[in-house]
């Protein structure tokens, strides 16, 4: 699995994210094209700077002060045909920010939320540029992860007054996201724009070992006691664990008891099968093969012997099992005008695979009195629209 990891030991901002992507999936010409397409009232320069011994890209933006409501930004972004896909994602990020602002400041309709810092051309530029760079990473097969983010500590002055770090709108963006954060030092280190971008794209903290192939640094504008940079690490990750295969041969048990043994083993194993065979004296029987975690060997062996009267179990150690990246979540889908919650598994083994839980689809088909294949196809279309952004 290819991984792109934003290492946020000094927080994150929109310009730091864009700077870290320069030379990876973004070039200066891409940024100029975005400014021209959306008629943004800004200019920029790219510098190579030294931040406490680390050489990093730094994006310096100058702008005319423009502030917009969410509704104005949405209309502006959707007007572009050339950057339609990028604009759609950017709208999603701004919607997340608008809902956070509305929740904090009491707007009844998030579309009327009035942005201050994040309604500027600078912020629009950062979000569009970062989105373009991250989508190009995903097109190359990278999955996006984020290490725990340093929030900083202290107070920050906003258009609404002085707030503790992180400001309330940032906390709202973080709420129910997959990002992990912690308090450090140095004032405000995670900006609303940075939080919005990472909360929208990141799958959270990476859990498995990975090899490093490429590193890029994006510098922040401030000088701190530690390097004020965002590190982007590109690499590969193999997801594996240690398992054991347990086997036994059975030739003196009824089909009902075999079925019961398989049922009980299924509740305690990663997988279990019964393979028909002909043994000595041409007697028909079954090979019971169960796959379990290394720490469950004694428990599963005991179940096999209890349920089958086997006198012994072969324990076959496996060095490790390479697994596709996988996760699951409950997705709300609409079928025939009704809404249902359905469990969806996502895995990546060369390509992204979405699979709805079969029992959930079957239950929907029964409730609606519709053919199962028809409901399955409708559910697949729904979850692909929701999860394959």
Protein backbone atom coordinates (compact mmCIF):
# COMPACT_ATOMS: atom_id res chain seq x y z
CA UNK A 1 0.00 0.00 0.00
CA UNK A 2 1.36 3.44 -0.97
CA UNK A 3 1.03 6.00 1.82
CA UNK A 4 1.35 9.78 1.99
CA UNK A 5 1.78 10.91 5.60
CA UNK A 6 1.46 14.52 6.72
CA UNK A 7 3.70 14.65 9.80
CA UNK A 8 2.27 17.53 11.84
CA UNK A 9 4.78 17.88 14.69
CA UNK A 10 4.60 21.67 14.25
CA UNK A 11 0.92 21.92 13.38
CA UNK A 12 -0.47 22.57 9.90
CA UNK A 13 -1.85 25.44 7.85
CA UNK A 14 -3.14 25.70 4.31
CA UNK A 15 0.06 27.27 2.97
CA UNK A 16 2.23 24.67 4.74
CA UNK A 17 0.23 21.85 3.14
CA UNK A 18 0.57 23.44 -0.31
CA UNK A 19 4.29 24.08 0.23
CA UNK A 20 4.90 20.44 1.20
CA UNK A 21 3.24 19.32 -2.05
CA UNK A 22 5.44 21.54 -4.24
CA UNK A 23 7.77 19.39 -6.30
CA UNK A 24 5.70 16.33 -5.44
CA UNK A 25 2.34 16.82 -7.16
CA UNK A 26 2.27 20.61 -7.53
CA UNK A 27 4.34 23.06 -9.56
CA UNK A 28 4.33 26.84 -9.62
CA UNK A 29 2.44 26.75 -12.95
CA UNK A 30 -0.44 24.88 -11.26
CA UNK A 31 -0.80 27.64 -8.68
CA UNK A 32 -0.73 30.35 -11.36
CA UNK A 33 -3.43 28.50 -13.27
CA UNK A 34 -5.70 28.37 -10.20
CA UNK A 35 -5.32 32.11 -9.62
CA UNK A 36 -6.18 32.83 -13.26
CA UNK A 37 -9.15 30.42 -13.43
CA UNK A 38 -10.85 31.79 -10.30
CA UNK A 39 -9.73 35.40 -10.73
CA UNK A 40 -8.22 35.48 -7.24
CA UNK A 41 -6.88 38.84 -6.09
CA UNK A 42 -3.57 37.48 -4.84
CA UNK A 43 0.03 36.98 -5.85
CA UNK A 44 2.68 34.69 -4.40
CA UNK A 45 6.31 33.73 -4.43
CA UNK A 46 7.98 30.44 -3.55
CA UNK A 47 11.13 30.51 -1.44
CA UNK A 48 13.58 27.93 -0.15
CA UNK A 49 14.10 28.75 3.52
CA UNK A 50 16.02 27.36 6.48
CA UNK A 51 13.85 26.54 9.48
CA UNK A 52 16.07 25.52 12.41
CA UNK A 53 18.37 23.61 10.06
CA UNK A 54 15.69 22.15 7.77
CA UNK A 55 15.50 23.45 4.19
CA UNK A 56 11.86 23.76 3.17
CA UNK A 57 9.54 25.27 0.57
CA UNK A 58 7.76 28.40 1.75
CA UNK A 59 4.75 29.97 0.05
CA UNK A 60 4.47 33.75 0.56
CA UNK A 61 1.08 35.13 -0.50
CA UNK A 62 0.04 38.75 -0.84
CA UNK A 63 -3.64 39.57 -1.27
CA UNK A 64 -6.32 42.19 -1.46
CA UNK A 65 -8.59 41.91 1.57
CA UNK A 66 -11.79 40.21 0.43
CA UNK A 67 -14.25 38.42 2.74
CA UNK A 68 -17.14 36.23 1.61
CA UNK A 69 -20.01 34.15 2.91
CA UNK A 70 -20.09 30.43 2.29
CA UNK A 71 -22.82 30.80 -0.34
CA UNK A 72 -20.64 33.22 -2.36
CA UNK A 73 -17.65 30.87 -2.20
CA UNK A 74 -19.75 27.90 -3.29
CA UNK A 75 -21.06 29.80 -6.33
CA UNK A 76 -17.57 30.95 -7.19
CA UNK A 77 -16.06 27.46 -7.03
CA UNK A 78 -18.86 25.79 -8.96
CA UNK A 79 -18.45 28.25 -11.84
CA UNK A 80 -15.28 26.51 -13.03
CA UNK A 81 -15.49 23.81 -15.71
CA UNK A 82 -11.74 23.34 -15.99
CA UNK A 83 -11.32 22.51 -12.30
CA UNK A 84 -14.72 20.88 -11.77
CA UNK A 85 -13.47 17.89 -9.74
CA UNK A 86 -11.11 19.97 -7.61
CA UNK A 87 -13.87 22.55 -7.05
CA UNK A 88 -16.33 19.88 -5.87
CA UNK A 89 -13.87 18.71 -3.22
CA UNK A 90 -13.06 22.28 -2.23
CA UNK A 91 -16.78 22.97 -1.78
CA UNK A 92 -16.89 19.97 0.57
CA UNK A 93 -14.05 21.42 2.66
CA UNK A 94 -15.67 24.86 2.83
CA UNK A 95 -18.99 23.23 3.78
CA UNK A 96 -17.25 21.50 6.69
CA UNK A 97 -15.80 24.84 7.77
CA UNK A 98 -19.15 26.62 7.34
CA UNK A 99 -20.99 24.05 9.46
CA UNK A 100 -18.32 24.51 12.16
CA UNK A 101 -18.69 28.31 12.06
CA UNK A 102 -22.49 28.06 12.12
CA UNK A 103 -22.41 25.69 15.09
CA UNK A 104 -20.14 27.96 17.11
CA UNK A 105 -21.73 31.32 16.28
CA UNK A 106 -25.37 30.29 16.07
CA UNK A 107 -26.21 30.63 12.37
CA UNK A 108 -29.46 28.84 11.60
CA UNK A 109 -28.33 28.17 8.02
CA UNK A 110 -24.66 27.30 7.53
CA UNK A 111 -24.86 28.70 3.98
CA UNK A 112 -25.16 32.16 5.53
CA UNK A 113 -22.00 31.70 7.63
CA UNK A 114 -19.73 34.71 7.20
CA UNK A 115 -16.09 33.75 6.86
CA UNK A 116 -13.31 36.06 7.97
CA UNK A 117 -9.82 34.57 7.62
CA UNK A 118 -11.11 31.49 5.75
CA UNK A 119 -13.27 33.59 3.39
CA UNK A 120 -10.26 35.34 1.88
CA UNK A 121 -8.78 34.73 -1.56
CA UNK A 122 -5.69 33.47 0.25
CA UNK A 123 -7.68 30.69 1.96
CA UNK A 124 -9.56 29.83 -1.25
CA UNK A 125 -6.22 29.60 -3.04
CA UNK A 126 -4.76 27.34 -0.31
CA UNK A 127 -7.73 24.99 -0.30
CA UNK A 128 -7.92 24.69 -4.09
CA UNK A 129 -4.16 24.16 -4.43
CA UNK A 130 -3.95 21.63 -1.59
CA UNK A 131 -6.95 19.76 -2.98
CA UNK A 132 -5.37 19.55 -6.45
CA UNK A 133 -2.12 18.22 -4.98
CA UNK A 134 -3.81 15.67 -2.71
CA UNK A 135 -6.10 14.40 -5.48
CA UNK A 136 -3.03 13.84 -7.65
CA UNK A 137 -1.50 11.83 -4.82
CA UNK A 138 -4.64 9.71 -4.67
CA UNK A 139 -4.57 9.23 -8.44
CA UNK A 140 -1.07 7.79 -8.03
CA UNK A 141 -2.47 5.27 -5.55
CA UNK A 142 -1.48 6.98 -2.28
CA UNK A 143 -3.70 6.86 0.78
CA UNK A 144 -3.56 9.96 2.96
CA UNK A 145 -2.64 9.74 6.66
CA UNK A 146 -1.81 12.28 9.35
CA UNK A 147 0.29 11.91 12.48
CA UNK A 148 -1.14 13.43 15.71
CA UNK A 149 -1.24 17.20 15.17
CA UNK A 150 0.45 19.69 17.48
CA UNK A 151 -2.22 22.29 18.29
CA UNK A 152 0.16 24.64 20.07
CA UNK A 153 -0.99 26.43 23.21
CA UNK A 154 -2.01 29.88 24.41
CA UNK A 155 -4.53 32.37 23.04
CA UNK A 156 -5.32 33.66 19.57
CA UNK A 157 -6.97 36.92 18.49
CA UNK A 158 -9.85 36.45 16.01
CA UNK A 159 -12.54 38.68 14.51
CA UNK A 160 -14.84 37.48 17.30
CA UNK A 161 -12.40 38.21 20.12
CA UNK A 162 -9.59 36.43 21.96
CA UNK A 163 -9.94 32.64 22.22
CA UNK A 164 -7.86 29.83 23.68
CA UNK A 165 -5.92 27.64 21.25
CA UNK A 166 -7.42 25.92 19.37
CA UNK A 167 -10.26 28.35 18.54
CA UNK A 168 -13.84 26.98 18.79
CA UNK A 169 -14.30 26.63 15.01
CA UNK A 170 -11.17 24.45 14.75
CA UNK A 171 -12.46 22.25 17.58
CA UNK A 172 -15.73 21.84 15.67
CA UNK A 173 -13.84 20.80 12.52
CA UNK A 174 -11.87 18.25 14.55
CA UNK A 175 -15.00 16.85 16.18
CA UNK A 176 -15.92 13.44 14.71
CA UNK A 177 -12.96 13.61 12.30
CA UNK A 178 -10.24 10.95 12.14
CA UNK A 179 -7.53 13.40 13.20
CA UNK A 180 -5.70 13.01 16.51
CA UNK A 181 -4.32 16.12 18.20
CA UNK A 182 -2.33 17.18 21.26
CA UNK A 183 -1.37 20.39 23.06
CA UNK A 184 2.19 21.58 22.58
CA UNK A 185 3.78 25.02 22.71
CA UNK A 186 4.17 27.98 20.38
CA UNK A 187 0.78 29.69 20.06
CA UNK A 188 -1.72 28.66 17.37
CA UNK A 189 -0.17 25.94 15.18
CA UNK A 190 -3.25 24.37 13.57
CA UNK A 191 -5.24 26.87 11.50
CA UNK A 192 -8.88 26.44 10.44
CA UNK A 193 -7.82 26.01 6.80
CA UNK A 194 -5.23 23.36 7.68
CA UNK A 195 -7.71 21.56 9.93
CA UNK A 196 -10.39 21.62 7.22
CA UNK A 197 -8.12 20.17 4.52
CA UNK A 198 -6.68 17.40 6.67
CA UNK A 199 -10.01 16.50 8.30
CA UNK A 200 -11.54 16.12 4.84
CA UNK A 201 -8.85 13.92 3.28
CA UNK A 202 -6.97 12.15 6.07
CA UNK A 203 -7.71 8.59 7.14
CA UNK A 204 -6.14 9.32 10.53
CA UNK A 205 -2.92 8.18 12.15
CA UNK A 206 -1.06 5.36 10.38
CA UNK A 207 -0.85 2.21 12.52
CA UNK A 208 1.52 -0.06 10.57
CA UNK A 209 5.27 0.09 9.83
CA UNK A 210 6.21 1.71 6.53
CA UNK A 211 9.28 2.29 4.38
CA UNK A 212 10.22 5.85 3.39
CA UNK A 213 10.69 6.69 -0.29
CA UNK A 214 10.51 10.48 -0.44
CA UNK A 215 10.27 13.45 1.96
CA UNK A 216 9.20 17.07 1.40
CA UNK A 217 8.95 20.00 3.83
CA UNK A 218 6.54 22.93 3.80
CA UNK A 219 7.55 25.89 5.99
CA UNK A 220 5.27 28.01 8.11
CA UNK A 221 5.66 31.78 8.28
CA UNK A 222 6.70 31.97 11.93
CA UNK A 223 10.05 31.14 13.52
CA UNK A 224 9.76 28.90 16.58
CA UNK A 225 12.21 27.21 18.91
CA UNK A 226 11.62 24.01 16.93
CA UNK A 227 11.48 23.69 13.10
CA UNK A 228 8.18 25.27 12.00
CA UNK A 229 7.62 22.88 9.09
CA UNK A 230 5.09 20.33 7.92
CA UNK A 231 6.76 17.12 6.77
CA UNK A 232 5.21 15.07 3.95
CA UNK A 233 6.47 11.48 3.84
CA UNK A 234 5.78 9.22 0.86
CA UNK A 235 6.33 5.52 1.34
CA UNK A 236 4.98 2.00 1.26
CA UNK A 237 3.29 0.02 4.00
CA UNK A 238 2.75 -3.71 4.26
CA UNK A 239 -0.13 -4.65 6.54
CA UNK A 240 0.43 -8.05 8.10
CA UNK A 241 -0.12 -10.07 11.25
CA UNK A 242 0.87 -13.49 12.62
CA UNK A 243 -1.62 -16.34 12.24
CA UNK A 244 -1.78 -20.12 12.70
CA UNK A 245 -3.55 -22.80 10.64
CA UNK A 246 -5.10 -25.66 12.63
CA UNK A 247 -6.04 -28.95 10.94
CA UNK A 248 -7.57 -32.25 11.86
CA UNK A 249 -9.04 -35.20 9.90
CA UNK A 250 -12.52 -36.45 10.83
CA UNK A 251 -14.10 -39.63 9.37
CA UNK A 252 -16.54 -40.76 12.06
CA UNK A 253 -18.92 -37.83 12.58
CA UNK A 254 -22.34 -36.92 11.17
CA UNK A 255 -23.05 -33.96 8.91
CA UNK A 256 -25.09 -32.27 11.63
CA UNK A 257 -22.18 -32.34 14.07
CA UNK A 258 -19.75 -31.10 11.42
CA UNK A 259 -22.13 -28.20 10.74
CA UNK A 260 -22.33 -27.35 14.44
CA UNK A 261 -18.52 -27.50 14.78
CA UNK A 262 -18.08 -25.12 11.84
CA UNK A 263 -20.64 -22.73 13.34
CA UNK A 264 -18.89 -22.60 16.71
CA UNK A 265 -15.43 -22.29 15.16
CA UNK A 266 -16.64 -19.45 12.93
CA UNK A 267 -17.35 -17.42 16.05
CA UNK A 268 -13.75 -17.81 17.26
CA UNK A 269 -11.64 -17.95 14.07
CA UNK A 270 -10.64 -15.71 11.20
CA UNK A 271 -11.82 -18.42 8.77
CA UNK A 272 -12.82 -22.09 8.85
CA UNK A 273 -13.58 -24.68 6.15
CA UNK A 274 -14.49 -28.37 5.96
CA UNK A 275 -12.92 -30.14 2.96
CA UNK A 276 -14.38 -33.55 1.92
CA UNK A 277 -11.85 -36.33 1.33
CA UNK A 278 -11.52 -40.12 1.07
CA UNK A 279 -9.13 -41.63 3.62
CA UNK A 280 -7.81 -45.03 4.46
CA UNK A 281 -10.06 -47.94 3.50
CA UNK A 282 -11.82 -45.43 1.21
CA UNK A 283 -13.77 -43.98 4.09
CA UNK A 284 -15.29 -40.54 3.43
CA UNK A 285 -14.40 -37.79 5.86
CA UNK A 286 -13.56 -34.12 6.29
CA UNK A 287 -10.42 -32.08 6.83
CA UNK A 288 -11.30 -29.31 9.29
CA UNK A 289 -9.03 -26.32 8.59
CA UNK A 290 -9.26 -23.29 10.88
CA UNK A 291 -7.26 -20.05 10.67
CA UNK A 292 -6.85 -18.14 13.91
CA UNK A 293 -4.62 -15.58 15.61
CA UNK A 294 -1.47 -16.93 17.24
CA UNK A 295 -2.71 -16.14 20.74
CA UNK A 296 -5.97 -18.13 20.16
CA UNK A 297 -4.34 -21.48 19.29
CA UNK A 298 -5.13 -23.25 22.58
CA UNK A 299 -8.73 -22.00 22.66
CA UNK A 300 -9.51 -22.97 19.05
CA UNK A 301 -7.74 -26.35 19.35
CA UNK A 302 -9.90 -27.10 22.37
CA UNK A 303 -13.09 -26.25 20.46
CA UNK A 304 -12.08 -28.51 17.56
CA UNK A 305 -11.48 -31.47 19.89
CA UNK A 306 -14.62 -30.82 21.95
CA UNK A 307 -16.95 -30.54 18.95
CA UNK A 308 -15.48 -33.29 16.73
CA UNK A 309 -14.04 -35.85 19.21
CA UNK A 310 -10.72 -35.47 17.41
CA UNK A 311 -7.75 -36.92 19.30
CA UNK A 312 -5.33 -34.27 18.04
CA UNK A 313 -4.91 -31.08 16.03
CA UNK A 314 -2.06 -30.16 13.69
CA UNK A 315 -0.70 -26.67 14.40
CA UNK A 316 0.86 -25.10 11.29
CA UNK A 317 2.60 -21.78 12.05
CA UNK A 318 2.55 -19.11 9.34
CA UNK A 319 5.39 -16.56 9.23
CA UNK A 320 2.91 -13.76 8.63
CA UNK A 321 -0.17 -12.91 6.63
CA UNK A 322 -0.06 -9.95 4.26
CA UNK A 323 -3.38 -8.12 4.44
CA UNK A 324 -5.04 -5.53 2.29
CA UNK A 325 -5.76 -2.28 4.11
CA UNK A 326 -9.32 -2.48 5.37
CA UNK A 327 -11.82 -0.53 7.42
CA UNK A 328 -15.57 -0.53 7.90
CA UNK A 329 -18.25 2.00 8.66
CA UNK A 330 -22.03 2.34 8.69
CA UNK A 331 -23.36 4.26 5.69
CA UNK A 332 -26.89 5.65 5.32
CA UNK A 333 -28.40 4.71 1.94
CA UNK A 334 -31.76 5.40 0.29
CA UNK A 335 -33.52 2.56 -1.50
CA UNK A 336 -37.00 3.04 -2.97
CA UNK A 337 -37.40 6.29 -1.03
CA UNK A 338 -36.54 4.75 2.35
CA UNK A 339 -33.35 5.24 4.35
CA UNK A 340 -31.36 2.33 5.80
CA UNK A 341 -28.09 1.96 7.71
CA UNK A 342 -25.77 -0.58 6.13
CA UNK A 343 -22.32 -1.80 7.15
CA UNK A 344 -19.73 -1.27 4.41
CA UNK A 345 -16.24 -2.78 4.25
CA UNK A 346 -13.49 -0.95 2.35
CA UNK A 347 -10.27 -2.72 1.40
CA UNK A 348 -7.29 -1.88 -0.79
CA UNK A 349 -5.33 -4.63 -2.55
CA UNK A 350 -4.03 -2.83 -5.62
CA UNK A 351 -7.35 -1.05 -6.05
CA UNK A 352 -10.09 0.22 -3.78
CA UNK A 353 -12.87 -2.31 -3.12
CA UNK A 354 -16.17 -1.48 -1.43
CA UNK A 355 -18.37 -4.30 -0.18
CA UNK A 356 -21.71 -3.96 1.63
CA UNK A 357 -22.52 -6.46 4.38
CA UNK A 358 -24.56 -9.15 2.67
CA UNK A 359 -26.91 -9.76 5.60
CA UNK A 360 -27.78 -6.03 5.71
CA UNK A 361 -28.61 -6.01 1.98
CA UNK A 362 -30.69 -9.15 2.38
CA UNK A 363 -32.65 -7.58 5.22
CA UNK A 364 -33.42 -4.50 3.08
CA UNK A 365 -34.58 -6.72 0.21
CA UNK A 366 -36.91 -8.61 2.56
CA UNK A 367 -38.36 -5.40 4.04
CA UNK A 368 -39.02 -3.93 0.59
CA UNK A 369 -40.11 -7.26 -0.92
CA UNK A 370 -37.69 -6.78 -3.82
CA UNK A 371 -35.28 -9.19 -5.56
CA UNK A 372 -31.95 -9.36 -3.76
CA UNK A 373 -29.78 -8.70 -6.90
CA UNK A 374 -31.76 -5.52 -7.63
CA UNK A 375 -31.34 -4.19 -4.08
CA UNK A 376 -27.64 -5.11 -4.08
CA UNK A 377 -27.00 -3.07 -7.25
CA UNK A 378 -28.93 -0.08 -5.85
CA UNK A 379 -26.97 -0.23 -2.59
CA UNK A 380 -23.64 -0.44 -4.45
CA UNK A 381 -24.46 2.69 -6.45
CA UNK A 382 -25.40 4.53 -3.26
CA UNK A 383 -22.25 3.64 -1.29
CA UNK A 384 -19.96 4.34 -4.25
CA UNK A 385 -21.46 7.84 -4.54
CA UNK A 386 -20.96 8.43 -0.80
CA UNK A 387 -17.56 6.86 -0.20
CA UNK A 388 -15.69 7.14 -3.51
CA UNK A 389 -15.54 10.90 -3.44
